[in-house]
């Protein structure tokens, strides 16, 4: 294994440390994952990350400009699903509504 030295500004270094800490990883492990995903989409974490990486590499990924959202816990997700299912129209009705 090779060792790589990078120079990054202080703000980036802090964000890198924070991101690694949020994932309960070392900075080295997190940076290695990010760099691997940057050069090979198969190393991206999860299918959606691989798709985003492929789109980015093709130059067609739209930047959201926002911060990544946190995942909902299982109980929060169940409540959100239940709330979403209380609509008055089905998805099929909403889709066909504009096709008259």
Protein backbone atom coordinates (compact mmCIF):
# COMPACT_ATOMS: atom_id res chain seq x y z
CA UNK A 1 0.00 0.00 0.00
CA UNK A 2 1.29 3.45 -0.89
CA UNK A 3 1.14 6.58 1.19
CA UNK A 4 -0.16 9.80 -0.35
CA UNK A 5 0.30 13.30 0.99
CA UNK A 6 -2.21 15.98 0.06
CA UNK A 7 -2.33 19.68 0.81
CA UNK A 8 -5.86 20.92 1.47
CA UNK A 9 -7.13 24.14 3.00
CA UNK A 10 -8.13 24.17 6.65
CA UNK A 11 -11.86 24.34 5.96
CA UNK A 12 -11.75 21.26 3.72
CA UNK A 13 -9.70 19.38 6.30
CA UNK A 14 -12.29 20.15 8.98
CA UNK A 15 -15.19 19.09 6.73
CA UNK A 16 -13.33 15.87 5.93
CA UNK A 17 -12.83 15.17 9.64
CA UNK A 18 -16.47 15.94 10.38
CA UNK A 19 -17.74 13.71 7.57
CA UNK A 20 -15.52 10.84 8.69
CA UNK A 21 -16.63 11.28 12.29
CA UNK A 22 -20.33 11.26 11.29
CA UNK A 23 -19.75 7.90 9.63
CA UNK A 24 -17.68 6.63 12.56
CA UNK A 25 -14.68 6.14 10.30
CA UNK A 26 -11.12 7.33 10.41
CA UNK A 27 -10.25 10.22 8.12
CA UNK A 28 -7.99 7.86 6.18
CA UNK A 29 -10.73 5.26 5.66
CA UNK A 30 -13.28 7.88 4.65
CA UNK A 31 -10.87 9.66 2.28
CA UNK A 32 -9.93 6.35 0.69
CA UNK A 33 -13.62 5.55 0.10
CA UNK A 34 -14.26 8.97 -1.43
CA UNK A 35 -11.21 8.79 -3.67
CA UNK A 36 -12.07 5.25 -4.75
CA UNK A 37 -15.62 6.32 -5.63
CA UNK A 38 -14.24 9.29 -7.58
CA UNK A 39 -12.21 7.07 -9.90
CA UNK A 40 -14.37 3.93 -9.94
CA UNK A 41 -18.15 4.03 -9.40
CA UNK A 42 -18.12 0.41 -8.21
CA UNK A 43 -16.50 1.61 -4.98
CA UNK A 44 -19.29 4.09 -4.26
CA UNK A 45 -21.34 3.31 -1.16
CA UNK A 46 -24.64 1.91 -2.39
CA UNK A 47 -26.43 1.78 -5.71
CA UNK A 48 -27.67 5.36 -5.63
CA UNK A 49 -24.15 6.63 -5.00
CA UNK A 50 -22.90 4.59 -7.96
CA UNK A 51 -25.60 6.07 -10.18
CA UNK A 52 -24.80 9.62 -9.00
CA UNK A 53 -21.13 8.98 -9.67
CA UNK A 54 -21.83 7.74 -13.19
CA UNK A 55 -24.01 10.77 -13.90
CA UNK A 56 -21.35 13.09 -12.53
CA UNK A 57 -18.66 11.47 -14.65
CA UNK A 58 -20.91 11.93 -17.70
CA UNK A 59 -21.31 15.61 -16.82
CA UNK A 60 -25.08 15.40 -16.42
CA UNK A 61 -25.51 15.44 -12.65
CA UNK A 62 -27.35 18.52 -11.41
CA UNK A 63 -25.87 20.02 -8.26
CA UNK A 64 -28.44 20.51 -5.53
CA UNK A 65 -26.41 22.99 -3.53
CA UNK A 66 -27.96 21.68 -0.35
CA UNK A 67 -26.52 19.65 2.45
CA UNK A 68 -27.09 15.90 2.54
CA UNK A 69 -30.13 14.93 4.54
CA UNK A 70 -29.95 12.49 7.40
CA UNK A 71 -31.63 9.11 7.17
CA UNK A 72 -34.86 8.60 9.01
CA UNK A 73 -35.05 6.00 11.72
CA UNK A 74 -37.36 3.03 11.10
CA UNK A 75 -40.17 4.52 13.27
CA UNK A 76 -39.83 7.93 11.57
CA UNK A 77 -39.94 6.27 8.15
CA UNK A 78 -43.07 4.31 9.11
CA UNK A 79 -44.79 7.53 10.22
CA UNK A 80 -43.80 9.29 7.00
CA UNK A 81 -45.10 6.41 4.89
CA UNK A 82 -48.38 6.37 6.79
CA UNK A 83 -48.78 10.14 6.37
CA UNK A 84 -47.97 9.92 2.65
CA UNK A 85 -50.57 7.19 2.19
CA UNK A 86 -53.41 9.38 3.45
CA UNK A 87 -53.84 11.34 0.24
CA UNK A 88 -57.20 11.71 -1.43
CA UNK A 89 -56.06 10.53 -4.87
CA UNK A 90 -54.07 7.56 -6.01
CA UNK A 91 -50.87 8.10 -7.96
CA UNK A 92 -52.55 6.67 -11.07
CA UNK A 93 -55.35 9.26 -10.73
CA UNK A 94 -52.85 12.11 -10.37
CA UNK A 95 -50.83 10.96 -13.38
CA UNK A 96 -53.85 10.47 -15.64
CA UNK A 97 -55.44 13.75 -14.49
CA UNK A 98 -53.33 15.82 -16.87
CA UNK A 99 -53.78 13.46 -19.82
CA UNK A 100 -57.37 14.29 -20.76
